[in-house]
Amino acid sequence: MKNLIIICSVLFTFFTKNQEVKLHGKYKMEYETKYKEQNCIITFNDSLYSRKLPNGKTIKGKVTYWKHHISLKDEKTNLQMDFAKMQIGRDTIFFGTTDVTIAKNDSDTFIDSARLIKLK
């Protein structure tokens, strides 16, 4: 009986192990002010994404999964978008954009705010 309890405990722990949450699918990206011309459709595939701008240009980037937040970094730019990891799974994800060339102690200052709206 004791062995059965141990086996059940191990199996329960193994199957309920917290899976890493990843971004997948299409979202509409809407900036509020400064970067409104960057409004676009963004497609996530695990740790990579691509943004299709209204002018037809495609921007690719990388998704970095941290412990409590997620960072999106476009290739060949100095802008980074950050949002809380707990927002994944919601229909709307709010995020802020920072300039990574600004000194580290000032990096909490957002240049612009925006949102990702899940497309069905």
PDB file of N, CA and C in Angstrom:
ATOM      1  N   MET A   1       0.823  -1.191   0.000  1.00  0.00           N
ATOM      2  CA  MET A   1       0.000   0.000   0.000  1.00  0.00           C
ATOM      3  C   MET A   1       0.871   1.260   0.000  1.00  0.00           C
ATOM      4  N   LYS A   2       1.946   1.220   0.770  1.00  0.00           N
ATOM      5  CA  LYS A   2       2.857   2.349   0.852  1.00  0.00           C
ATOM      6  C   LYS A   2       3.503   2.604  -0.516  1.00  0.00           C
ATOM      7  N   ASN A   3       3.877   1.531  -1.201  1.00  0.00           N
ATOM      8  CA  ASN A   3       4.477   1.671  -2.530  1.00  0.00           C
ATOM      9  C   ASN A   3       3.486   2.264  -3.529  1.00  0.00           C
ATOM     10  N   LEU A   4       2.227   1.898  -3.424  1.00  0.00           N
ATOM     11  CA  LEU A   4       1.195   2.426  -4.302  1.00  0.00           C
ATOM     12  C   LEU A   4       1.041   3.932  -4.119  1.00  0.00           C
ATOM     13  N   ILE A   5       1.084   4.397  -2.899  1.00  0.00           N
ATOM     14  CA  ILE A   5       0.970   5.830  -2.607  1.00  0.00           C
ATOM     15  C   ILE A   5       2.173   6.579  -3.188  1.00  0.00           C
ATOM     16  N   ILE A   6       3.356   6.021  -3.048  1.00  0.00           N
ATOM     17  CA  ILE A   6       4.567   6.658  -3.581  1.00  0.00           C
ATOM     18  C   ILE A   6       4.505   6.728  -5.104  1.00  0.00           C
ATOM     19  N   ILE A   7       4.092   5.642  -5.742  1.00  0.00           N
ATOM     20  CA  ILE A   7       3.997   5.613  -7.205  1.00  0.00           C
ATOM     21  C   ILE A   7       2.963   6.625  -7.695  1.00  0.00           C
ATOM     22  N   CYS A   8       1.815   6.690  -7.030  1.00  0.00           N
ATOM     23  CA  CYS A   8       0.776   7.651  -7.416  1.00  0.00           C
ATOM     24  C   CYS A   8       1.279   9.086  -7.243  1.00  0.00           C
ATOM     25  N   SER A   9       2.001   9.345  -6.166  1.00  0.00           N
ATOM     26  CA  SER A   9       2.542  10.685  -5.936  1.00  0.00           C
ATOM     27  C   SER A   9       3.530  11.082  -7.019  1.00  0.00           C
ATOM     28  N   VAL A  10       4.406  10.167  -7.401  1.00  0.00           N
ATOM     29  CA  VAL A  10       5.398  10.443  -8.442  1.00  0.00           C
ATOM     30  C   VAL A  10       4.715  10.688  -9.783  1.00  0.00           C
ATOM     31  N   LEU A  11       3.733   9.856 -10.125  1.00  0.00           N
ATOM     32  CA  LEU A  11       3.008  10.026 -11.377  1.00  0.00           C
ATOM     33  C   LEU A  11       2.231  11.340 -11.402  1.00  0.00           C
ATOM     34  N   PHE A  12       1.611  11.691 -10.292  1.00  0.00           N
ATOM     35  CA  PHE A  12       0.866  12.947 -10.203  1.00  0.00           C
ATOM     36  C   PHE A  12       1.797  14.134 -10.409  1.00  0.00           C
ATOM     37  N   THR A  13       2.949  14.101  -9.767  1.00  0.00           N
ATOM     38  CA  THR A  13       3.927  15.173  -9.905  1.00  0.00           C
ATOM     39  C   THR A  13       4.440  15.259 -11.336  1.00  0.00           C
ATOM     40  N   PHE A  14       4.690  14.131 -11.955  1.00  0.00           N
ATOM     41  CA  PHE A  14       5.199  14.096 -13.321  1.00  0.00           C
ATOM     42  C   PHE A  14       4.196  14.669 -14.318  1.00  0.00           C
ATOM     43  N   PHE A  15       2.934  14.302 -14.193  1.00  0.00           N
ATOM     44  CA  PHE A  15       1.932  14.726 -15.158  1.00  0.00           C
ATOM     45  C   PHE A  15       1.412  16.137 -14.919  1.00  0.00           C
ATOM     46  N   THR A  16       1.573  16.672 -13.724  1.00  0.00           N
ATOM     47  CA  THR A  16       1.109  18.033 -13.455  1.00  0.00           C
ATOM     48  C   THR A  16       2.244  19.036 -13.508  1.00  0.00           C
ATOM     49  N   LYS A  17       3.372  18.643 -14.025  1.00  0.00           N
ATOM     50  CA  LYS A  17       4.518  19.543 -14.146  1.00  0.00           C
ATOM     51  C   LYS A  17       4.116  20.733 -15.003  1.00  0.00           C
ATOM     52  N   ASN A  18       4.445  21.928 -14.539  1.00  0.00           N
ATOM     53  CA  ASN A  18       4.045  23.156 -15.215  1.00  0.00           C
ATOM     54  C   ASN A  18       4.736  23.287 -16.569  1.00  0.00           C
ATOM     55  N   GLN A  19       3.957  23.331 -17.628  1.00  0.00           N
ATOM     56  CA  GLN A  19       4.488  23.469 -18.973  1.00  0.00           C
ATOM     57  C   GLN A  19       4.804  24.937 -19.251  1.00  0.00           C
ATOM     58  N   GLU A  20       5.859  25.174 -20.020  1.00  0.00           N
ATOM     59  CA  GLU A  20       6.230  26.531 -20.416  1.00  0.00           C
ATOM     60  C   GLU A  20       5.176  27.065 -21.389  1.00  0.00           C
ATOM     61  N   VAL A  21       4.666  28.238 -21.109  1.00  0.00           N
ATOM     62  CA  VAL A  21       3.658  28.859 -21.948  1.00  0.00           C
ATOM     63  C   VAL A  21       4.363  29.583 -23.093  1.00  0.00           C
ATOM     64  N   LYS A  22       3.917  29.354 -24.315  1.00  0.00           N
ATOM     65  CA  LYS A  22       4.513  29.963 -25.508  1.00  0.00           C
ATOM     66  C   LYS A  22       3.442  30.696 -26.304  1.00  0.00           C
ATOM     67  N   LEU A  23       3.870  31.696 -27.051  1.00  0.00           N
ATOM     68  CA  LEU A  23       2.964  32.431 -27.931  1.00  0.00           C
ATOM     69  C   LEU A  23       2.836  31.725 -29.275  1.00  0.00           C
ATOM     70  N   HIS A  24       1.600  31.580 -29.740  1.00  0.00           N
ATOM     71  CA  HIS A  24       1.315  30.996 -31.048  1.00  0.00           C
ATOM     72  C   HIS A  24       0.120  31.715 -31.646  1.00  0.00           C
ATOM     73  N   GLY A  25       0.087  31.811 -32.956  1.00  0.00           N
ATOM     74  CA  GLY A  25      -1.072  32.374 -33.629  1.00  0.00           C
ATOM     75  C   GLY A  25      -0.880  33.794 -34.097  1.00  0.00           C
ATOM     76  N   LYS A  26      -1.994  34.390 -34.573  1.00  0.00           N
ATOM     77  CA  LYS A  26      -1.973  35.734 -35.131  1.00  0.00           C
ATOM     78  C   LYS A  26      -2.627  36.726 -34.175  1.00  0.00           C
ATOM     79  N   TYR A  27      -2.023  37.901 -34.107  1.00  0.00           N
ATOM     80  CA  TYR A  27      -2.527  38.997 -33.295  1.00  0.00           C
ATOM     81  C   TYR A  27      -2.492  40.276 -34.110  1.00  0.00           C
ATOM     82  N   LYS A  28      -3.384  41.198 -33.786  1.00  0.00           N
ATOM     83  CA  LYS A  28      -3.348  42.536 -34.360  1.00  0.00           C
ATOM     84  C   LYS A  28      -2.613  43.420 -33.365  1.00  0.00           C
ATOM     85  N   MET A  29      -1.554  44.096 -33.813  1.00  0.00           N
ATOM     86  CA  MET A  29      -0.766  44.968 -32.946  1.00  0.00           C
ATOM     87  C   MET A  29      -1.230  46.401 -33.165  1.00  0.00           C
ATOM     88  N   GLU A  30      -1.674  47.060 -32.081  1.00  0.00           N
ATOM     89  CA  GLU A  30      -2.165  48.438 -32.160  1.00  0.00           C
ATOM     90  C   GLU A  30      -1.400  49.331 -31.200  1.00  0.00           C
ATOM     91  N   TYR A  31      -0.596  50.250 -31.753  1.00  0.00           N
ATOM     92  CA  TYR A  31       0.092  51.254 -30.939  1.00  0.00           C
ATOM     93  C   TYR A  31      -0.846  52.412 -30.676  1.00  0.00           C
ATOM     94  N   GLU A  32      -0.597  53.141 -29.574  1.00  0.00           N
ATOM     95  CA  GLU A  32      -1.509  54.216 -29.210  1.00  0.00           C
ATOM     96  C   GLU A  32      -1.116  55.574 -29.789  1.00  0.00           C
ATOM     97  N   THR A  33       0.173  55.924 -29.798  1.00  0.00           N
ATOM     98  CA  THR A  33       0.527  57.273 -30.246  1.00  0.00           C
ATOM     99  C   THR A  33       1.705  57.282 -31.209  1.00  0.00           C
ATOM    100  N   LYS A  34       2.903  57.346 -30.685  1.00  0.00           N
ATOM    101  CA  LYS A  34       4.118  57.607 -31.465  1.00  0.00           C
ATOM    102  C   LYS A  34       4.346  56.638 -32.626  1.00  0.00           C
ATOM    103  N   TYR A  35       4.059  55.364 -32.442  1.00  0.00           N
ATOM    104  CA  TYR A  35       4.349  54.351 -33.450  1.00  0.00           C
ATOM    105  C   TYR A  35       3.095  53.835 -34.150  1.00  0.00           C
ATOM    106  N   LYS A  36       2.083  54.685 -34.291  1.00  0.00           N
ATOM    107  CA  LYS A  36       0.825  54.256 -34.899  1.00  0.00           C
ATOM    108  C   LYS A  36       1.000  53.681 -36.303  1.00  0.00           C
ATOM    109  N   GLU A  37       2.014  54.154 -37.044  1.00  0.00           N
ATOM    110  CA  GLU A  37       2.267  53.622 -38.385  1.00  0.00           C
ATOM    111  C   GLU A  37       2.802  52.200 -38.333  1.00  0.00           C
ATOM    112  N   GLN A  38       3.165  51.722 -37.139  1.00  0.00           N
ATOM    113  CA  GLN A  38       3.653  50.361 -36.960  1.00  0.00           C
ATOM    114  C   GLN A  38       2.523  49.372 -36.653  1.00  0.00           C
ATOM    115  N   ASN A  39       1.265  49.841 -36.622  1.00  0.00           N
ATOM    116  CA  ASN A  39       0.130  48.931 -36.420  1.00  0.00           C
ATOM    117  C   ASN A  39       0.164  47.862 -37.504  1.00  0.00           C
ATOM    118  N   CYS A  40      -0.023  46.612 -37.113  1.00  0.00           N
ATOM    119  CA  CYS A  40       0.175  45.532 -38.082  1.00  0.00           C
ATOM    120  C   CYS A  40      -0.452  44.233 -37.580  1.00  0.00           C
ATOM    121  N   ILE A  41      -0.259  43.194 -38.369  1.00  0.00           N
ATOM    122  CA  ILE A  41      -0.615  41.830 -37.979  1.00  0.00           C
ATOM    123  C   ILE A  41       0.690  41.125 -37.630  1.00  0.00           C
ATOM    124  N   ILE A  42       0.737  40.505 -36.468  1.00  0.00           N
ATOM    125  CA  ILE A  42       1.940  39.808 -36.011  1.00  0.00           C
ATOM    126  C   ILE A  42       1.612  38.326 -35.845  1.00  0.00           C
ATOM    127  N   THR A  43       2.490  37.472 -36.346  1.00  0.00           N
ATOM    128  CA  THR A  43       2.303  36.026 -36.262  1.00  0.00           C
ATOM    129  C   THR A  43       3.406  35.438 -35.395  1.00  0.00           C
ATOM    130  N   PHE A  44       3.009  34.755 -34.320  1.00  0.00           N
ATOM    131  CA  PHE A  44       3.958  34.126 -33.401  1.00  0.00           C
ATOM    132  C   PHE A  44       4.078  32.639 -33.689  1.00  0.00           C
ATOM    133  N   ASN A  45       5.292  32.143 -33.601  1.00  0.00           N
ATOM    134  CA  ASN A  45       5.557  30.720 -33.699  1.00  0.00           C
ATOM    135  C   ASN A  45       6.656  30.382 -32.703  1.00  0.00           C
ATOM    136  N   ASP A  46       6.258  30.119 -31.466  1.00  0.00           N
ATOM    137  CA  ASP A  46       7.179  29.766 -30.388  1.00  0.00           C
ATOM    138  C   ASP A  46       8.112  30.929 -30.056  1.00  0.00           C
ATOM    139  N   SER A  47       9.373  30.883 -30.450  1.00  0.00           N
ATOM    140  CA  SER A  47      10.321  31.929 -30.076  1.00  0.00           C
ATOM    141  C   SER A  47      10.647  32.877 -31.235  1.00  0.00           C
ATOM    142  N   LEU A  48       9.880  32.821 -32.311  1.00  0.00           N
ATOM    143  CA  LEU A  48      10.067  33.722 -33.450  1.00  0.00           C
ATOM    144  C   LEU A  48       8.737  34.370 -33.804  1.00  0.00           C
ATOM    145  N   TYR A  49       8.818  35.547 -34.423  1.00  0.00           N
ATOM    146  CA  TYR A  49       7.598  36.199 -34.891  1.00  0.00           C
ATOM    147  C   TYR A  49       7.903  36.994 -36.154  1.00  0.00           C
ATOM    148  N   SER A  50       6.855  37.322 -36.875  1.00  0.00           N
ATOM    149  CA  SER A  50       6.979  38.204 -38.032  1.00  0.00           C
ATOM    150  C   SER A  50       5.808  39.172 -38.012  1.00  0.00           C
ATOM    151  N   ARG A  51       6.115  40.431 -38.349  1.00  0.00           N
ATOM    152  CA  ARG A  51       5.100  41.477 -38.383  1.00  0.00           C
ATOM    153  C   ARG A  51       4.917  41.928 -39.824  1.00  0.00           C
ATOM    154  N   LYS A  52       3.683  41.967 -40.278  1.00  0.00           N
ATOM    155  CA  LYS A  52       3.347  42.419 -41.633  1.00  0.00           C
ATOM    156  C   LYS A  52       2.744  43.812 -41.512  1.00  0.00           C
ATOM    157  N   LEU A  53       3.528  44.833 -41.938  1.00  0.00           N
ATOM    158  CA  LEU A  53       3.092  46.222 -41.854  1.00  0.00           C
ATOM    159  C   LEU A  53       2.143  46.563 -43.000  1.00  0.00           C
ATOM    160  N   PRO A  54       1.326  47.624 -42.843  1.00  0.00           N
ATOM    161  CA  PRO A  54       0.386  48.015 -43.901  1.00  0.00           C
ATOM    162  C   PRO A  54       1.069  48.350 -45.228  1.00  0.00           C
ATOM    163  N   ASN A  55       2.330  48.811 -45.196  1.00  0.00           N
ATOM    164  CA  ASN A  55       3.034  49.149 -46.436  1.00  0.00           C
ATOM    165  C   ASN A  55       3.619  47.922 -47.135  1.00  0.00           C
ATOM    166  N   GLY A  56       3.365  46.730 -46.598  1.00  0.00           N
ATOM    167  CA  GLY A  56       3.825  45.490 -47.208  1.00  0.00           C
ATOM    168  C   GLY A  56       5.151  44.978 -46.667  1.00  0.00           C
ATOM    169  N   LYS A  57       5.842  45.781 -45.881  1.00  0.00           N
ATOM    170  CA  LYS A  57       7.127  45.383 -45.312  1.00  0.00           C
ATOM    171  C   LYS A  57       6.917  44.340 -44.208  1.00  0.00           C
ATOM    172  N   THR A  58       7.811  43.347 -44.154  1.00  0.00           N
ATOM    173  CA  THR A  58       7.756  42.320 -43.120  1.00  0.00           C
ATOM    174  C   THR A  58       8.964  42.473 -42.195  1.00  0.00           C
ATOM    175  N   ILE A  59       8.702  42.517 -40.899  1.00  0.00           N
ATOM    176  CA  ILE A  59       9.757  42.624 -39.888  1.00  0.00           C
ATOM    177  C   ILE A  59       9.755  41.338 -39.081  1.00  0.00           C
ATOM    178  N   LYS A  60      10.906  40.726 -38.953  1.00  0.00           N
ATOM    179  CA  LYS A  60      11.032  39.497 -38.161  1.00  0.00           C
ATOM    180  C   LYS A  60      11.704  39.817 -36.841  1.00  0.00           C
ATOM    181  N   GLY A  61      11.458  38.975 -35.853  1.00  0.00           N
ATOM    182  CA  GLY A  61      12.041  39.197 -34.552  1.00  0.00           C
ATOM    183  C   GLY A  61      12.063  37.943 -33.707  1.00  0.00           C
ATOM    184  N   LYS A  62      12.576  38.107 -32.498  1.00  0.00           N
ATOM    185  CA  LYS A  62      12.767  36.993 -31.577  1.00  0.00           C
ATOM    186  C   LYS A  62      11.986  37.248 -30.283  1.00  0.00           C
ATOM    187  N   VAL A  63      11.389  36.183 -29.749  1.00  0.00           N
ATOM    188  CA  VAL A  63      10.673  36.235 -28.482  1.00  0.00           C
ATOM    189  C   VAL A  63      11.578  35.627 -27.410  1.00  0.00           C
ATOM    190  N   THR A  64      11.774  36.360 -26.314  1.00  0.00           N
ATOM    191  CA  THR A  64      12.558  35.845 -25.196  1.00  0.00           C
ATOM    192  C   THR A  64      11.618  35.645 -24.010  1.00  0.00           C
ATOM    193  N   TYR A  65      11.593  34.426 -23.497  1.00  0.00           N
ATOM    194  CA  TYR A  65      10.728  34.082 -22.366  1.00  0.00           C
ATOM    195  C   TYR A  65      11.543  34.149 -21.082  1.00  0.00           C
ATOM    196  N   TRP A  66      11.229  35.120 -20.233  1.00  0.00           N
ATOM    197  CA  TRP A  66      11.858  35.250 -18.929  1.00  0.00           C
ATOM    198  C   TRP A  66      10.950  34.602 -17.897  1.00  0.00           C
ATOM    199  N   LYS A  67      11.336  34.675 -16.636  1.00  0.00           N
ATOM    200  CA  LYS A  67      10.556  34.019 -15.587  1.00  0.00           C
ATOM    201  C   LYS A  67       9.157  34.628 -15.451  1.00  0.00           C
ATOM    202  N   HIS A  68       9.072  35.970 -15.439  1.00  0.00           N
ATOM    203  CA  HIS A  68       7.784  36.623 -15.211  1.00  0.00           C
ATOM    204  C   HIS A  68       7.325  37.524 -16.349  1.00  0.00           C
ATOM    205  N   HIS A  69       8.148  37.705 -17.366  1.00  0.00           N
ATOM    206  CA  HIS A  69       7.731  38.546 -18.484  1.00  0.00           C
ATOM    207  C   HIS A  69       8.285  38.010 -19.796  1.00  0.00           C
ATOM    208  N   ILE A  70       7.799  38.598 -20.875  1.00  0.00           N
ATOM    209  CA  ILE A  70       8.198  38.199 -22.228  1.00  0.00           C
ATOM    210  C   ILE A  70       8.670  39.446 -22.963  1.00  0.00           C
ATOM    211  N   SER A  71       9.768  39.301 -23.704  1.00  0.00           N
ATOM    212  CA  SER A  71      10.321  40.402 -24.491  1.00  0.00           C
ATOM    213  C   SER A  71      10.273  40.056 -25.973  1.00  0.00           C
ATOM    214  N   LEU A  72       9.872  41.026 -26.774  1.00  0.00           N
ATOM    215  CA  LEU A  72       9.869  40.900 -28.227  1.00  0.00           C
ATOM    216  C   LEU A  72      10.903  41.881 -28.773  1.00  0.00           C
ATOM    217  N   LYS A  73      11.851  41.398 -29.546  1.00  0.00           N
ATOM    218  CA  LYS A  73      12.915  42.240 -30.083  1.00  0.00           C
ATOM    219  C   LYS A  73      12.967  42.080 -31.589  1.00  0.00           C
ATOM    220  N   ASP A  74      12.670  43.188 -32.310  1.00  0.00           N
ATOM    221  CA  ASP A  74      12.769  43.189 -33.770  1.00  0.00           C
ATOM    222  C   ASP A  74      14.232  43.093 -34.180  1.00  0.00           C
ATOM    223  N   GLU A  75      14.481  42.434 -35.312  1.00  0.00           N
ATOM    224  CA  GLU A  75      15.830  42.423 -35.871  1.00  0.00           C
ATOM    225  C   GLU A  75      16.159  43.818 -36.398  1.00  0.00           C
ATOM    226  N   LYS A  76      17.381  44.247 -36.218  1.00  0.00           N
ATOM    227  CA  LYS A  76      17.908  45.500 -36.781  1.00  0.00           C
ATOM    228  C   LYS A  76      17.229  46.754 -36.249  1.00  0.00           C
ATOM    229  N   THR A  77      16.672  46.731 -35.044  1.00  0.00           N
ATOM    230  CA  THR A  77      16.144  47.949 -34.417  1.00  0.00           C
ATOM    231  C   THR A  77      16.612  47.990 -32.963  1.00  0.00           C
ATOM    232  N   ASN A  78      16.424  49.131 -32.326  1.00  0.00           N
ATOM    233  CA  ASN A  78      16.795  49.266 -30.924  1.00  0.00           C
ATOM    234  C   ASN A  78      15.562  49.282 -30.012  1.00  0.00           C
ATOM    235  N   LEU A  79      14.413  48.883 -30.542  1.00  0.00           N
ATOM    236  CA  LEU A  79      13.182  48.867 -29.758  1.00  0.00           C
ATOM    237  C   LEU A  79      12.862  47.463 -29.270  1.00  0.00           C
ATOM    238  N   GLN A  80      12.328  47.403 -28.054  1.00  0.00           N
ATOM    239  CA  GLN A  80      11.941  46.125 -27.450  1.00  0.00           C
ATOM    240  C   GLN A  80      10.577  46.285 -26.816  1.00  0.00           C
ATOM    241  N   MET A  81       9.718  45.286 -26.986  1.00  0.00           N
ATOM    242  CA  MET A  81       8.388  45.295 -26.409  1.00  0.00           C
ATOM    243  C   MET A  81       8.329  44.272 -25.283  1.00  0.00           C
ATOM    244  N   ASP A  82       7.764  44.649 -24.136  1.00  0.00           N
ATOM    245  CA  ASP A  82       7.708  43.785 -22.961  1.00  0.00           C
ATOM    246  C   ASP A  82       6.296  43.731 -22.401  1.00  0.00           C
ATOM    247  N   PHE A  83       5.926  42.525 -21.918  1.00  0.00           N
ATOM    248  CA  PHE A  83       4.657  42.380 -21.213  1.00  0.00           C
ATOM    249  C   PHE A  83       4.747  41.221 -20.226  1.00  0.00           C
ATOM    250  N   ALA A  84       3.818  41.213 -19.280  1.00  0.00           N
ATOM    251  CA  ALA A  84       3.801  40.194 -18.233  1.00  0.00           C
ATOM    252  C   ALA A  84       3.401  38.842 -18.819  1.00  0.00           C
ATOM    253  N   LYS A  85       4.073  37.799 -18.361  1.00  0.00           N
ATOM    254  CA  LYS A  85       3.815  36.446 -18.850  1.00  0.00           C
ATOM    255  C   LYS A  85       2.392  35.982 -18.523  1.00  0.00           C
ATOM    256  N   MET A  86       1.839  36.492 -17.432  1.00  0.00           N
ATOM    257  CA  MET A  86       0.500  36.054 -17.021  1.00  0.00           C
ATOM    258  C   MET A  86      -0.589  36.529 -17.983  1.00  0.00           C
ATOM    259  N   GLN A  87      -0.247  37.419 -18.926  1.00  0.00           N
ATOM    260  CA  GLN A  87      -1.237  37.888 -19.899  1.00  0.00           C
ATOM    261  C   GLN A  87      -1.460  36.905 -21.049  1.00  0.00           C
ATOM    262  N   ILE A  88      -0.551  35.938 -21.220  1.00  0.00           N
ATOM    263  CA  ILE A  88      -0.726  34.955 -22.292  1.00  0.00           C
ATOM    264  C   ILE A  88      -2.014  34.176 -22.050  1.00  0.00           C
ATOM    265  N   GLY A  89      -2.771  33.973 -23.094  1.00  0.00           N
ATOM    266  CA  GLY A  89      -4.044  33.269 -22.988  1.00  0.00           C
ATOM    267  C   GLY A  89      -5.226  34.217 -23.002  1.00  0.00           C
ATOM    268  N   ARG A  90      -4.975  35.501 -22.771  1.00  0.00           N
ATOM    269  CA  ARG A  90      -6.042  36.490 -22.840  1.00  0.00           C
ATOM    270  C   ARG A  90      -6.252  36.916 -24.291  1.00  0.00           C
ATOM    271  N   ASP A  91      -7.406  37.484 -24.570  1.00  0.00           N
ATOM    272  CA  ASP A  91      -7.690  37.969 -25.923  1.00  0.00           C
ATOM    273  C   ASP A  91      -6.923  39.248 -26.239  1.00  0.00           C
ATOM    274  N   THR A  92      -6.630  40.059 -25.211  1.00  0.00           N
ATOM    275  CA  THR A  92      -5.882  41.300 -25.392  1.00  0.00           C
ATOM    276  C   THR A  92      -4.698  41.314 -24.441  1.00  0.00           C
ATOM    277  N   ILE A  93      -3.514  41.590 -24.992  1.00  0.00           N
ATOM    278  CA  ILE A  93      -2.278  41.667 -24.210  1.00  0.00           C
ATOM    279  C   ILE A  93      -1.767  43.098 -24.316  1.00  0.00           C
ATOM    280  N   PHE A  94      -1.604  43.772 -23.181  1.00  0.00           N
ATOM    281  CA  PHE A  94      -1.097  45.133 -23.156  1.00  0.00           C
ATOM    282  C   PHE A  94       0.412  45.090 -22.941  1.00  0.00           C
ATOM    283  N   PHE A  95       1.145  45.934 -23.684  1.00  0.00           N
ATOM    284  CA  PHE A  95       2.597  45.955 -23.545  1.00  0.00           C
ATOM    285  C   PHE A  95       3.141  47.353 -23.727  1.00  0.00           C
ATOM    286  N   GLY A  96       4.395  47.528 -23.342  1.00  0.00           N
ATOM    287  CA  GLY A  96       5.087  48.793 -23.506  1.00  0.00           C
ATOM    288  C   GLY A  96       6.319  48.605 -24.363  1.00  0.00           C
ATOM    289  N   THR A  97       6.722  49.669 -25.034  1.00  0.00           N
ATOM    290  CA  THR A  97       7.902  49.640 -25.888  1.00  0.00           C
ATOM    291  C   THR A  97       8.994  50.475 -25.245  1.00  0.00           C
ATOM    292  N   THR A  98      10.213  49.929 -25.192  1.00  0.00           N
ATOM    293  CA  THR A  98      11.366  50.637 -24.643  1.00  0.00           C
ATOM    294  C   THR A  98      12.468  50.711 -25.684  1.00  0.00           C
ATOM    295  N   ASP A  99      13.347  51.687 -25.508  1.00  0.00           N
ATOM    296  CA  ASP A  99      14.525  51.830 -26.356  1.00  0.00           C
ATOM    297  C   ASP A  99      15.693  51.201 -25.596  1.00  0.00           C
ATOM    298  N   VAL A 100      16.274  50.137 -26.136  1.00  0.00           N
ATOM    299  CA  VAL A 100      17.332  49.396 -25.428  1.00  0.00           C
ATOM    300  C   VAL A 100      18.656  50.140 -25.405  1.00  0.00           C
ATOM    301  N   THR A 101      18.770  51.246 -26.154  1.00  0.00           N
ATOM    302  CA  THR A 101      20.013  52.020 -26.124  1.00  0.00           C
ATOM    303  C   THR A 101      20.067  52.974 -24.938  1.00  0.00           C
ATOM    304  N   ILE A 102      18.939  53.186 -24.273  1.00  0.00           N
ATOM    305  CA  ILE A 102      18.900  54.031 -23.083  1.00  0.00           C
ATOM    306  C   ILE A 102      19.558  53.266 -21.938  1.00  0.00           C
ATOM    307  N   ALA A 103      20.219  53.984 -21.038  1.00  0.00           N
ATOM    308  CA  ALA A 103      20.912  53.351 -19.905  1.00  0.00           C
ATOM    309  C   ALA A 103      19.972  52.428 -19.147  1.00  0.00           C
ATOM    310  N   LYS A 104      20.538  51.340 -18.600  1.00  0.00           N
ATOM    311  CA  LYS A 104      19.744  50.306 -17.910  1.00  0.00           C
ATOM    312  C   LYS A 104      18.819  50.874 -16.844  1.00  0.00           C
ATOM    313  N   ASN A 105      19.283  51.829 -16.039  1.00  0.00           N
ATOM    314  CA  ASN A 105      18.430  52.328 -14.952  1.00  0.00           C
ATOM    315  C   ASN A 105      17.250  53.150 -15.470  1.00  0.00           C
ATOM    316  N   ASP A 106      17.290  53.571 -16.740  1.00  0.00           N
ATOM    317  CA  ASP A 106      16.167  54.298 -17.321  1.00  0.00           C
ATOM    318  C   ASP A 106      15.294  53.419 -18.205  1.00  0.00           C
ATOM    319  N   SER A 107      15.620  52.130 -18.304  1.00  0.00           N
ATOM    320  CA  SER A 107      14.908  51.255 -19.246  1.00  0.00           C
ATOM    321  C   SER A 107      13.471  50.954 -18.832  1.00  0.00           C
ATOM    322  N   ASP A 108      13.081  51.335 -17.623  1.00  0.00           N
ATOM    323  CA  ASP A 108      11.703  51.128 -17.207  1.00  0.00           C
ATOM    324  C   ASP A 108      10.767  52.185 -17.797  1.00  0.00           C
ATOM    325  N   THR A 109      11.335  53.181 -18.462  1.00  0.00           N
ATOM    326  CA  THR A 109      10.540  54.227 -19.070  1.00  0.00           C
ATOM    327  C   THR A 109      10.067  53.771 -20.444  1.00  0.00           C
ATOM    328  N   PHE A 110       8.750  53.672 -20.591  1.00  0.00           N
ATOM    329  CA  PHE A 110       8.182  53.229 -21.851  1.00  0.00           C
ATOM    330  C   PHE A 110       8.092  54.397 -22.830  1.00  0.00           C
ATOM    331  N   ILE A 111       8.442  54.131 -24.076  1.00  0.00           N
ATOM    332  CA  ILE A 111       8.342  55.127 -25.140  1.00  0.00           C
ATOM    333  C   ILE A 111       6.899  55.217 -25.617  1.00  0.00           C
ATOM    334  N   ASP A 112       6.249  54.080 -25.723  1.00  0.00           N
ATOM    335  CA  ASP A 112       4.874  54.016 -26.199  1.00  0.00           C
ATOM    336  C   ASP A 112       4.201  52.778 -25.613  1.00  0.00           C
ATOM    337  N   SER A 113       2.893  52.802 -25.522  1.00  0.00           N
ATOM    338  CA  SER A 113       2.160  51.629 -25.067  1.00  0.00           C
ATOM    339  C   SER A 113       1.284  51.136 -26.223  1.00  0.00           C
ATOM    340  N   ALA A 114       0.957  49.865 -26.149  1.00  0.00           N
ATOM    341  CA  ALA A 114       0.189  49.254 -27.236  1.00  0.00           C
ATOM    342  C   ALA A 114      -0.517  48.001 -26.728  1.00  0.00           C
ATOM    343  N   ARG A 115      -1.171  47.320 -27.640  1.00  0.00           N
ATOM    344  CA  ARG A 115      -1.859  46.093 -27.272  1.00  0.00           C
ATOM    345  C   ARG A 115      -1.814  45.114 -28.441  1.00  0.00           C
ATOM    346  N   LEU A 116      -1.873  43.846 -28.094  1.00  0.00           N
ATOM    347  CA  LEU A 116      -2.002  42.755 -29.063  1.00  0.00           C
ATOM    348  C   LEU A 116      -3.398  42.180 -28.898  1.00  0.00           C
ATOM    349  N   ILE A 117      -4.135  42.096 -29.981  1.00  0.00           N
ATOM    350  CA  ILE A 117      -5.499  41.566 -29.947  1.00  0.00           C
ATOM    351  C   ILE A 117      -5.504  40.258 -30.722  1.00  0.00           C
ATOM    352  N   LYS A 118      -5.902  39.174 -30.058  1.00  0.00           N
ATOM    353  CA  LYS A 118      -5.923  37.841 -30.666  1.00  0.00           C
ATOM    354  C   LYS A 118      -6.924  37.803 -31.811  1.00  0.00           C
ATOM    355  N   LEU A 119      -6.439  37.294 -32.972  1.00  0.00           N
ATOM    356  CA  LEU A 119      -7.329  37.113 -34.115  1.00  0.00           C
ATOM    357  C   LEU A 119      -7.814  35.661 -34.144  1.00  0.00           C
ATOM    358  N   LYS A 120      -9.051  35.469 -34.445  1.00  0.00           N
ATOM    359  CA  LYS A 120      -9.612  34.115 -34.419  1.00  0.00           C
ATOM    360  C   LYS A 120      -9.559  33.479 -35.773  1.00  0.00           C
TER     361      LYS A 120
END
